[in-house]
Amino acid sequence: MDEPVLLTGAGGRVGQAILDGIGDAYEWRLLDREPLPAEKVPAGVDDGDVYVADITDEEAVREAVAGVGAVIHLAGDPRKNAPWDSVLRNNIDGTQVLMSAAVEAGVERFAFASSNHAVGHYETERKPDLYREDDDFRLDGTELPRPGNLYGVSKATGEFLGRYYHDETGLSVVCVRIGNLTKDHPPREYERGQAMWLSHRDCAHLFDRCLRADYGFEIVYGISENDRRYYSIERAKEALGYEPRDNSAEFTFEGEPRGGESPE
């Protein structure tokens, strides 16, 4: 992609995983509501390409999105217990402002960071069995949302906004229902976290595919190739060319790699 990529929420965990993994592969514009420390900005990104702004600031968002070819939208209130006034402003209104500005600017691809919380209540009657390898229950992205909290409601709404803007304007939108992102190993002694684990390098690779693949509208799950999982990643593989390399089963419950070797 010759045009820049706008990354919102660049200073957060997901944003940093993406920049650590594919920071050298693209020309970036970064947006965050707080100034980014120098260590969080990839080499080669000029100060003029780093925006400090609220995602609901329409003027600032239009400026940041002008001339970019793709958007990865991560910004918002990430708290699973966030109150309604915050998720309404930061997650729903902010996503609508950015999608609208992207359409006006002629952006081709829009990757929206959705969440496992958009489907949290599918687990309610099935846990803990669905977290285990011998359970064959799978969510594949075709199911309707069943949010487990108001944060999940905001992410489901973001998916609906993506569907609307795709159908109305032709914007290519992929919604990634991100699982449990941790860097070095899956959560220790936590079945659910291991079932939905997403490693940093798989996260970066998945969003790289969101920037390179051809698609119309997709909802996919963002997890690694875990033996124990209740999210299907087949659609991410088929539609995006996702090829995860990590698996929570490679680790013991103590979080140490099996065989004594450290992961890359």
C-alpha atoms as a PDB file:
ATOM      1  CA  MET A   1       0.000   0.000   0.000  1.00  0.00           C
ATOM      2  CA  ASP A   2       1.505   3.300  -1.111  1.00  0.00           C
ATOM      3  CA  GLU A   3      -0.791   5.551   0.910  1.00  0.00           C
ATOM      4  CA  PRO A   4      -0.438   6.044   4.663  1.00  0.00           C
ATOM      5  CA  VAL A   5      -2.351   4.007   7.231  1.00  0.00           C
ATOM      6  CA  LEU A   6      -4.117   5.810  10.062  1.00  0.00           C
ATOM      7  CA  LEU A   7      -3.893   3.952  13.378  1.00  0.00           C
ATOM      8  CA  THR A   8      -6.131   5.271  16.146  1.00  0.00           C
ATOM      9  CA  GLY A   9      -5.480   4.339  19.746  1.00  0.00           C
ATOM     10  CA  ALA A  10      -1.860   3.879  18.750  1.00  0.00           C
ATOM     11  CA  GLY A  11      -0.535   4.002  22.295  1.00  0.00           C
ATOM     12  CA  GLY A  12      -2.632   1.098  23.582  1.00  0.00           C
ATOM     13  CA  ARG A  13      -1.741  -2.587  23.868  1.00  0.00           C
ATOM     14  CA  VAL A  14      -3.156  -3.598  20.495  1.00  0.00           C
ATOM     15  CA  GLY A  15      -1.720  -0.573  18.738  1.00  0.00           C
ATOM     16  CA  GLN A  16       1.731  -1.258  20.112  1.00  0.00           C
ATOM     17  CA  ALA A  17       1.539  -4.939  19.160  1.00  0.00           C
ATOM     18  CA  ILE A  18       0.716  -3.900  15.602  1.00  0.00           C
ATOM     19  CA  LEU A  19       3.488  -1.299  15.413  1.00  0.00           C
ATOM     20  CA  ASP A  20       6.045  -3.654  16.974  1.00  0.00           C
ATOM     21  CA  GLY A  21       5.219  -6.295  14.387  1.00  0.00           C
ATOM     22  CA  ILE A  22       4.628  -4.362  11.159  1.00  0.00           C
ATOM     23  CA  GLY A  23       5.781  -0.848  11.995  1.00  0.00           C
ATOM     24  CA  ASP A  24       8.391  -0.929   9.231  1.00  0.00           C
ATOM     25  CA  ALA A  25       5.975  -2.134   6.549  1.00  0.00           C
ATOM     26  CA  TYR A  26       3.805   0.969   6.187  1.00  0.00           C
ATOM     27  CA  GLU A  27       3.792   4.724   6.303  1.00  0.00           C
ATOM     28  CA  TRP A  28       1.824   5.572   9.431  1.00  0.00           C
ATOM     29  CA  ARG A  29      -0.297   8.301  10.872  1.00  0.00           C
ATOM     30  CA  LEU A  30      -0.912   7.830  14.559  1.00  0.00           C
ATOM     31  CA  LEU A  31      -3.773   9.221  16.617  1.00  0.00           C
ATOM     32  CA  ASP A  32      -4.202   9.006  20.365  1.00  0.00           C
ATOM     33  CA  ARG A  33      -5.938  11.170  22.934  1.00  0.00           C
ATOM     34  CA  GLU A  34      -2.703  11.400  24.942  1.00  0.00           C
ATOM     35  CA  PRO A  35       0.764  12.424  23.674  1.00  0.00           C
ATOM     36  CA  LEU A  36       2.741   9.347  22.662  1.00  0.00           C
ATOM     37  CA  PRO A  37       6.115   8.767  24.339  1.00  0.00           C
ATOM     38  CA  ALA A  38       8.980   8.590  21.870  1.00  0.00           C
ATOM     39  CA  GLU A  39       9.426   4.847  22.464  1.00  0.00           C
ATOM     40  CA  LYS A  40       5.872   4.200  21.245  1.00  0.00           C
ATOM     41  CA  VAL A  41       6.407   5.933  17.896  1.00  0.00           C
ATOM     42  CA  PRO A  42       8.118   3.886  15.159  1.00  0.00           C
ATOM     43  CA  ALA A  43      11.258   5.277  13.582  1.00  0.00           C
ATOM     44  CA  GLY A  44      10.456   7.285  10.485  1.00  0.00           C
ATOM     45  CA  VAL A  45       7.126   8.635  11.723  1.00  0.00           C
ATOM     46  CA  ASP A  46       7.387  12.428  11.717  1.00  0.00           C
ATOM     47  CA  ASP A  47       5.891  14.601  14.432  1.00  0.00           C
ATOM     48  CA  GLY A  48       3.432  15.943  11.870  1.00  0.00           C
ATOM     49  CA  ASP A  49       2.001  12.452  11.467  1.00  0.00           C
ATOM     50  CA  VAL A  50       1.243  12.046  15.169  1.00  0.00           C
ATOM     51  CA  TYR A  51      -2.117  13.500  16.191  1.00  0.00           C
ATOM     52  CA  VAL A  52      -3.203  14.140  19.757  1.00  0.00           C
ATOM     53  CA  ALA A  53      -6.978  14.382  19.597  1.00  0.00           C
ATOM     54  CA  ASP A  54     -10.241  13.005  20.866  1.00  0.00           C
ATOM     55  CA  ILE A  55     -11.792  10.586  18.389  1.00  0.00           C
ATOM     56  CA  THR A  56     -15.034  12.591  18.527  1.00  0.00           C
ATOM     57  CA  ASP A  57     -13.282  15.790  17.385  1.00  0.00           C
ATOM     58  CA  GLU A  58     -14.605  15.894  13.817  1.00  0.00           C
ATOM     59  CA  GLU A  59     -12.173  18.533  12.559  1.00  0.00           C
ATOM     60  CA  ALA A  60      -9.114  16.735  13.952  1.00  0.00           C
ATOM     61  CA  VAL A  61     -10.320  13.381  12.647  1.00  0.00           C
ATOM     62  CA  ARG A  62     -10.901  14.750   9.150  1.00  0.00           C
ATOM     63  CA  GLU A  63      -7.396  16.177   9.173  1.00  0.00           C
ATOM     64  CA  ALA A  64      -5.864  12.903  10.338  1.00  0.00           C
ATOM     65  CA  VAL A  65      -7.718  10.768   7.772  1.00  0.00           C
ATOM     66  CA  ALA A  66      -7.131  13.003   4.746  1.00  0.00           C
ATOM     67  CA  GLY A  67      -5.071  11.190   2.138  1.00  0.00           C
ATOM     68  CA  VAL A  68      -4.786   7.828   3.875  1.00  0.00           C
ATOM     69  CA  GLY A  69      -5.542   4.556   2.131  1.00  0.00           C
ATOM     70  CA  ALA A  70      -6.653   2.558   5.163  1.00  0.00           C
ATOM     71  CA  VAL A  71      -7.677   2.935   8.782  1.00  0.00           C
ATOM     72  CA  ILE A  72      -7.112   0.638  11.744  1.00  0.00           C
ATOM     73  CA  HIS A  73      -9.493   1.878  14.423  1.00  0.00           C
ATOM     74  CA  LEU A  74      -8.607   0.881  17.968  1.00  0.00           C
ATOM     75  CA  ALA A  75      -9.410   4.050  19.929  1.00  0.00           C
ATOM     76  CA  GLY A  76     -12.103   4.008  22.586  1.00  0.00           C
ATOM     77  CA  ASP A  77     -12.759   3.240  26.216  1.00  0.00           C
ATOM     78  CA  PRO A  78     -11.408  -0.328  26.667  1.00  0.00           C
ATOM     79  CA  ARG A  79     -12.829  -0.972  30.127  1.00  0.00           C
ATOM     80  CA  LYS A  80     -15.250  -3.878  30.231  1.00  0.00           C
ATOM     81  CA  ASN A  81     -17.091  -2.113  33.071  1.00  0.00           C
ATOM     82  CA  ALA A  82     -17.092   1.291  31.372  1.00  0.00           C
ATOM     83  CA  PRO A  83     -20.270   3.303  32.014  1.00  0.00           C
ATOM     84  CA  TRP A  84     -22.752   4.078  29.266  1.00  0.00           C
ATOM     85  CA  ASP A  85     -21.883   7.761  28.878  1.00  0.00           C
ATOM     86  CA  SER A  86     -18.273   6.834  28.164  1.00  0.00           C
ATOM     87  CA  VAL A  87     -18.903   4.000  25.691  1.00  0.00           C
ATOM     88  CA  LEU A  88     -21.533   6.101  23.935  1.00  0.00           C
ATOM     89  CA  ARG A  89     -19.140   8.987  23.397  1.00  0.00           C
ATOM     90  CA  ASN A  90     -15.793   7.271  22.973  1.00  0.00           C
ATOM     91  CA  ASN A  91     -16.767   3.986  21.320  1.00  0.00           C
ATOM     92  CA  ILE A  92     -19.987   4.595  19.417  1.00  0.00           C
ATOM     93  CA  ASP A  93     -19.921   8.302  18.540  1.00  0.00           C
ATOM     94  CA  GLY A  94     -16.173   8.163  17.940  1.00  0.00           C
ATOM     95  CA  THR A  95     -16.470   5.216  15.566  1.00  0.00           C
ATOM     96  CA  GLN A  96     -19.241   6.919  13.608  1.00  0.00           C
ATOM     97  CA  VAL A  97     -17.213  10.135  13.321  1.00  0.00           C
ATOM     98  CA  LEU A  98     -14.203   8.227  12.014  1.00  0.00           C
ATOM     99  CA  MET A  99     -16.110   6.018   9.578  1.00  0.00           C
ATOM    100  CA  SER A 100     -17.943   9.022   8.165  1.00  0.00           C
ATOM    101  CA  ALA A 101     -14.686  10.933   7.752  1.00  0.00           C
ATOM    102  CA  ALA A 102     -13.057   7.900   6.128  1.00  0.00           C
ATOM    103  CA  VAL A 103     -15.829   7.697   3.552  1.00  0.00           C
ATOM    104  CA  GLU A 104     -15.563  11.406   2.796  1.00  0.00           C
ATOM    105  CA  ALA A 105     -11.789  11.058   2.385  1.00  0.00           C
ATOM    106  CA  GLY A 106     -12.079   8.120  -0.037  1.00  0.00           C
ATOM    107  CA  VAL A 107     -10.454   5.554   2.254  1.00  0.00           C
ATOM    108  CA  GLU A 108     -10.478   2.045   0.757  1.00  0.00           C
ATOM    109  CA  ARG A 109     -10.167  -0.233   3.807  1.00  0.00           C
ATOM    110  CA  PHE A 110     -11.327   0.113   7.383  1.00  0.00           C
ATOM    111  CA  ALA A 111     -10.329  -2.395  10.090  1.00  0.00           C
ATOM    112  CA  PHE A 112     -12.396  -2.053  13.249  1.00  0.00           C
ATOM    113  CA  ALA A 113     -11.247  -3.511  16.550  1.00  0.00           C
ATOM    114  CA  SER A 114     -14.318  -5.260  17.899  1.00  0.00           C
ATOM    115  CA  SER A 115     -14.131  -7.542  20.918  1.00  0.00           C
ATOM    116  CA  ASN A 116     -14.959 -10.919  22.397  1.00  0.00           C
ATOM    117  CA  HIS A 117     -17.265  -8.953  24.709  1.00  0.00           C
ATOM    118  CA  ALA A 118     -19.633  -8.411  21.761  1.00  0.00           C
ATOM    119  CA  VAL A 119     -20.560 -12.103  22.074  1.00  0.00           C
ATOM    120  CA  GLY A 120     -19.918 -12.663  25.771  1.00  0.00           C
ATOM    121  CA  HIS A 121     -23.290 -14.140  26.647  1.00  0.00           C
ATOM    122  CA  TYR A 122     -22.869 -17.084  24.290  1.00  0.00           C
ATOM    123  CA  GLU A 123     -20.618 -18.393  27.039  1.00  0.00           C
ATOM    124  CA  THR A 124     -23.129 -18.020  29.872  1.00  0.00           C
ATOM    125  CA  GLU A 125     -24.833 -21.427  29.644  1.00  0.00           C
ATOM    126  CA  ARG A 126     -21.834 -23.317  28.250  1.00  0.00           C
ATOM    127  CA  LYS A 127     -18.935 -22.446  30.521  1.00  0.00           C
ATOM    128  CA  PRO A 128     -16.588 -23.889  31.532  1.00  0.00           C
ATOM    129  CA  ASP A 129     -16.912 -26.785  29.058  1.00  0.00           C
ATOM    130  CA  LEU A 130     -16.579 -24.617  25.933  1.00  0.00           C
ATOM    131  CA  TYR A 131     -13.108 -23.512  27.069  1.00  0.00           C
ATOM    132  CA  ARG A 132     -11.760 -27.067  26.734  1.00  0.00           C
ATOM    133  CA  GLU A 133     -10.220 -28.944  23.825  1.00  0.00           C
ATOM    134  CA  ASP A 134     -12.867 -31.681  23.712  1.00  0.00           C
ATOM    135  CA  ASP A 135     -15.760 -29.229  23.267  1.00  0.00           C
ATOM    136  CA  ASP A 136     -16.676 -28.605  19.624  1.00  0.00           C
ATOM    137  CA  PHE A 137     -18.805 -25.463  20.093  1.00  0.00           C
ATOM    138  CA  ARG A 138     -17.621 -22.665  17.789  1.00  0.00           C
ATOM    139  CA  LEU A 139     -18.595 -19.081  17.095  1.00  0.00           C
ATOM    140  CA  ASP A 140     -17.667 -18.141  13.535  1.00  0.00           C
ATOM    141  CA  GLY A 141     -18.755 -14.522  13.068  1.00  0.00           C
ATOM    142  CA  THR A 142     -22.096 -15.265  11.406  1.00  0.00           C
ATOM    143  CA  GLU A 143     -23.945 -15.280  14.730  1.00  0.00           C
ATOM    144  CA  LEU A 144     -25.742 -12.196  16.045  1.00  0.00           C
ATOM    145  CA  PRO A 145     -24.029 -10.316  18.870  1.00  0.00           C
ATOM    146  CA  ARG A 146     -24.866 -11.200  22.476  1.00  0.00           C
ATOM    147  CA  PRO A 147     -22.903  -8.584  24.437  1.00  0.00           C
ATOM    148  CA  GLY A 148     -21.788  -9.402  27.935  1.00  0.00           C
ATOM    149  CA  ASN A 149     -21.549  -5.763  29.110  1.00  0.00           C
ATOM    150  CA  LEU A 150     -22.074  -2.219  27.869  1.00  0.00           C
ATOM    151  CA  TYR A 151     -18.570  -2.210  26.407  1.00  0.00           C
ATOM    152  CA  GLY A 152     -19.639  -5.209  24.334  1.00  0.00           C
ATOM    153  CA  VAL A 153     -22.765  -3.326  23.285  1.00  0.00           C
ATOM    154  CA  SER A 154     -20.568  -0.525  21.977  1.00  0.00           C
ATOM    155  CA  LYS A 155     -18.432  -2.968  19.996  1.00  0.00           C
ATOM    156  CA  ALA A 156     -21.491  -4.669  18.509  1.00  0.00           C
ATOM    157  CA  THR A 157     -22.736  -1.219  17.523  1.00  0.00           C
ATOM    158  CA  GLY A 158     -19.421  -0.540  15.822  1.00  0.00           C
ATOM    159  CA  GLU A 159     -19.934  -3.700  13.780  1.00  0.00           C
ATOM    160  CA  PHE A 160     -23.391  -2.475  12.750  1.00  0.00           C
ATOM    161  CA  LEU A 161     -21.921   0.878  11.753  1.00  0.00           C
ATOM    162  CA  GLY A 162     -19.370  -0.960   9.618  1.00  0.00           C
ATOM    163  CA  ARG A 163     -22.133  -2.958   7.950  1.00  0.00           C
ATOM    164  CA  TYR A 164     -24.069   0.242   7.266  1.00  0.00           C
ATOM    165  CA  TYR A 165     -21.146   2.147   5.772  1.00  0.00           C
ATOM    166  CA  HIS A 166     -20.149  -0.817   3.640  1.00  0.00           C
ATOM    167  CA  ASP A 167     -23.654  -1.285   2.246  1.00  0.00           C
ATOM    168  CA  GLU A 168     -24.304   2.427   1.861  1.00  0.00           C
ATOM    169  CA  THR A 169     -20.961   3.567   0.448  1.00  0.00           C
ATOM    170  CA  GLY A 170     -18.928   0.507  -0.546  1.00  0.00           C
ATOM    171  CA  LEU A 171     -16.280   1.026   2.150  1.00  0.00           C
ATOM    172  CA  SER A 172     -14.460  -2.266   2.752  1.00  0.00           C
ATOM    173  CA  VAL A 173     -14.819  -3.048   6.457  1.00  0.00           C
ATOM    174  CA  VAL A 174     -13.439  -5.889   8.540  1.00  0.00           C
ATOM    175  CA  CYS A 175     -14.428  -6.205  12.197  1.00  0.00           C
ATOM    176  CA  VAL A 176     -11.947  -8.177  14.290  1.00  0.00           C
ATOM    177  CA  ARG A 177     -13.397  -9.640  17.484  1.00  0.00           C
ATOM    178  CA  ILE A 178     -10.168  -9.576  19.436  1.00  0.00           C
ATOM    179  CA  GLY A 179      -9.641 -12.248  22.063  1.00  0.00           C
ATOM    180  CA  ASN A 180      -7.120 -12.034  24.907  1.00  0.00           C
ATOM    181  CA  LEU A 181      -3.942 -10.286  23.780  1.00  0.00           C
ATOM    182  CA  THR A 182      -0.826 -10.983  25.831  1.00  0.00           C
ATOM    183  CA  LYS A 183       2.768 -10.759  24.708  1.00  0.00           C
ATOM    184  CA  ASP A 184       4.981 -13.539  25.962  1.00  0.00           C
ATOM    185  CA  HIS A 185       2.608 -16.361  26.868  1.00  0.00           C
ATOM    186  CA  PRO A 186      -1.083 -17.136  27.469  1.00  0.00           C
ATOM    187  CA  PRO A 187      -2.586 -16.294  30.864  1.00  0.00           C
ATOM    188  CA  ARG A 188      -1.466 -18.699  33.568  1.00  0.00           C
ATOM    189  CA  GLU A 189      -4.090 -21.138  34.899  1.00  0.00           C
ATOM    190  CA  TYR A 190      -6.937 -19.348  33.115  1.00  0.00           C
ATOM    191  CA  GLU A 191      -8.872 -21.593  30.739  1.00  0.00           C
ATOM    192  CA  ARG A 192     -10.915 -18.858  29.102  1.00  0.00           C
ATOM    193  CA  GLY A 193      -7.860 -16.695  28.469  1.00  0.00           C
ATOM    194  CA  GLN A 194      -5.970 -19.607  26.930  1.00  0.00           C
ATOM    195  CA  ALA A 195      -8.927 -20.452  24.694  1.00  0.00           C
ATOM    196  CA  MET A 196      -9.066 -16.908  23.308  1.00  0.00           C
ATOM    197  CA  TRP A 197      -5.346 -16.115  23.409  1.00  0.00           C
ATOM    198  CA  LEU A 198      -3.908 -13.844  20.729  1.00  0.00           C
ATOM    199  CA  SER A 199      -0.151 -13.475  20.623  1.00  0.00           C
ATOM    200  CA  HIS A 200       1.462 -10.193  19.660  1.00  0.00           C
ATOM    201  CA  ARG A 201       2.960 -11.513  16.447  1.00  0.00           C
ATOM    202  CA  ASP A 202      -0.338 -13.106  15.366  1.00  0.00           C
ATOM    203  CA  CYS A 203      -2.098  -9.837  16.163  1.00  0.00           C
ATOM    204  CA  ALA A 204       0.294  -7.856  13.977  1.00  0.00           C
ATOM    205  CA  HIS A 205       0.018 -10.412  11.175  1.00  0.00           C
ATOM    206  CA  LEU A 206      -3.788 -10.415  11.321  1.00  0.00           C
ATOM    207  CA  PHE A 207      -4.024  -6.643  10.975  1.00  0.00           C
ATOM    208  CA  ASP A 208      -1.417  -6.755   8.220  1.00  0.00           C
ATOM    209  CA  ARG A 209      -3.797  -9.061   6.341  1.00  0.00           C
ATOM    210  CA  CYS A 210      -6.637  -6.593   7.034  1.00  0.00           C
ATOM    211  CA  LEU A 211      -4.568  -4.009   5.163  1.00  0.00           C
ATOM    212  CA  ARG A 212      -3.609  -6.246   2.236  1.00  0.00           C
ATOM    213  CA  ALA A 213      -6.543  -8.583   1.535  1.00  0.00           C
ATOM    214  CA  ASP A 214      -9.511  -7.905  -0.723  1.00  0.00           C
ATOM    215  CA  TYR A 215     -12.844  -8.080   1.099  1.00  0.00           C
ATOM    216  CA  GLY A 216     -16.207  -6.360   1.297  1.00  0.00           C
ATOM    217  CA  PHE A 217     -17.575  -6.750   4.808  1.00  0.00           C
ATOM    218  CA  GLU A 218     -16.264  -9.345   7.231  1.00  0.00           C
ATOM    219  CA  ILE A 219     -16.512 -10.227  10.908  1.00  0.00           C
ATOM    220  CA  VAL A 220     -13.622 -12.433  12.022  1.00  0.00           C
ATOM    221  CA  TYR A 221     -12.166 -13.617  15.299  1.00  0.00           C
ATOM    222  CA  GLY A 222      -8.753 -12.480  16.408  1.00  0.00           C
ATOM    223  CA  ILE A 223      -7.130 -15.356  18.261  1.00  0.00           C
ATOM    224  CA  SER A 224      -4.095 -17.555  17.707  1.00  0.00           C
ATOM    225  CA  GLU A 225      -4.175 -21.177  16.482  1.00  0.00           C
ATOM    226  CA  ASN A 226      -5.079 -22.509  19.927  1.00  0.00           C
ATOM    227  CA  ASP A 227      -5.950 -26.169  20.422  1.00  0.00           C
ATOM    228  CA  ARG A 228      -8.564 -25.126  22.930  1.00  0.00           C
ATOM    229  CA  ARG A 229     -10.845 -22.496  21.428  1.00  0.00           C
ATOM    230  CA  TYR A 230     -14.489 -21.698  20.956  1.00  0.00           C
ATOM    231  CA  TYR A 231     -13.932 -19.095  18.242  1.00  0.00           C
ATOM    232  CA  SER A 232     -13.442 -20.278  14.683  1.00  0.00           C
ATOM    233  CA  ILE A 233     -10.654 -18.561  12.759  1.00  0.00           C
ATOM    234  CA  GLU A 234     -11.510 -20.217   9.466  1.00  0.00           C
ATOM    235  CA  ARG A 235     -13.108 -17.079   8.051  1.00  0.00           C
ATOM    236  CA  ALA A 236     -10.039 -15.032   8.919  1.00  0.00           C
ATOM    237  CA  LYS A 237      -7.945 -17.583   7.061  1.00  0.00           C
ATOM    238  CA  GLU A 238     -10.233 -17.773   4.030  1.00  0.00           C
ATOM    239  CA  ALA A 239     -11.150 -14.104   3.616  1.00  0.00           C
ATOM    240  CA  LEU A 240      -7.933 -12.464   4.781  1.00  0.00           C
ATOM    241  CA  GLY A 241      -5.197 -15.054   4.349  1.00  0.00           C
ATOM    242  CA  TYR A 242      -4.505 -15.145   8.087  1.00  0.00           C
ATOM    243  CA  GLU A 243      -1.803 -17.661   9.020  1.00  0.00           C
ATOM    244  CA  PRO A 244      -1.346 -17.683  12.816  1.00  0.00           C
ATOM    245  CA  ARG A 245       1.857 -19.137  14.173  1.00  0.00           C
ATOM    246  CA  ASP A 246       1.201 -19.403  17.901  1.00  0.00           C
ATOM    247  CA  ASN A 247      -0.858 -21.775  20.044  1.00  0.00           C
ATOM    248  CA  SER A 248      -1.639 -21.577  23.742  1.00  0.00           C
ATOM    249  CA  ALA A 249      -1.171 -25.357  23.925  1.00  0.00           C
ATOM    250  CA  GLU A 250       2.560 -24.807  23.416  1.00  0.00           C
ATOM    251  CA  PHE A 251       2.699 -23.596  27.023  1.00  0.00           C
ATOM    252  CA  THR A 252       2.167 -25.326  30.326  1.00  0.00           C
ATOM    253  CA  PHE A 253      -0.223 -23.917  32.905  1.00  0.00           C
ATOM    254  CA  GLU A 254       2.781 -22.254  34.526  1.00  0.00           C
ATOM    255  CA  GLY A 255       3.253 -20.200  31.380  1.00  0.00           C
ATOM    256  CA  GLU A 256       6.533 -21.821  30.380  1.00  0.00           C
ATOM    257  CA  PRO A 257       7.009 -23.048  26.799  1.00  0.00           C
ATOM    258  CA  ARG A 258       6.783 -26.795  26.420  1.00  0.00           C
ATOM    259  CA  GLY A 259      10.133 -28.343  25.623  1.00  0.00           C
ATOM    260  CA  GLY A 260      12.013 -25.542  27.368  1.00  0.00           C
ATOM    261  CA  GLU A 261      12.275 -23.334  24.299  1.00  0.00           C
ATOM    262  CA  SER A 262      11.312 -19.682  24.361  1.00  0.00           C
ATOM    263  CA  PRO A 263       8.791 -18.391  21.819  1.00  0.00           C
ATOM    264  CA  GLU A 264       9.939 -15.853  19.246  1.00  0.00           C
END
